[in-house]
Amino acid sequence: MKVALAYFLVLVLENYIFIAIRFVVGTVMAFIMHAIVVRLLGLTEDSTPGVVVAVPGVAAGLVGTALTIGFAYLVFSWLAGPRSFQAIPLMAALLPLGWTLREDVKHYRLLRRTRREFEETLMQATASDMAVVTGALTGRIAGLAIGAIWAIALGFK
């Protein structure tokens, strides 16, 4: 019963935790990158829109994935015992992240299509949006890949 409760908590709460962590980390990193690029280096935002938003997106994706896996580890260790977090609970932890990844891919494709259609008139705004989505998508895919490799490694123990 405790294992079923742990799976339920992980599958239901993890996506909300990931979104909150990604928002907080992405926002903080965006302010830091803005300060570095615009204030310290003296560059304008127009010259480097992708750098200011792509790096926070990647960082938010990686940190969010790591912390949601950590949340799943804590839930399973607390409810089902310290040695209960193996390959299957790890895959259960990665499952909700895959659902939100699908939405990010749809958003990326929509922005890419919009960018092609309005390349001349909306170049600056669309480039910034594309950098945000591309960075988040890259971070999420990298985090899921690392989690999948970790799950495979745990399976061979």
Foldseek 3Di string as FASTA:
>chain_A
DLVVVLLVCLLPVLLVQLVVQLVVQQVVQLVVLCCVQCPVVVDDCQVPLLSSQLQSLLVSQQVSLVVSLVVSQVSCCVRVNNPRDFLVSLVSNCVVLVVVLVVLVVVLVVLVVVCVVPVPPCVRVSSNVNSNSNSNNNNNVVSSVVSNVRSVVRVVD
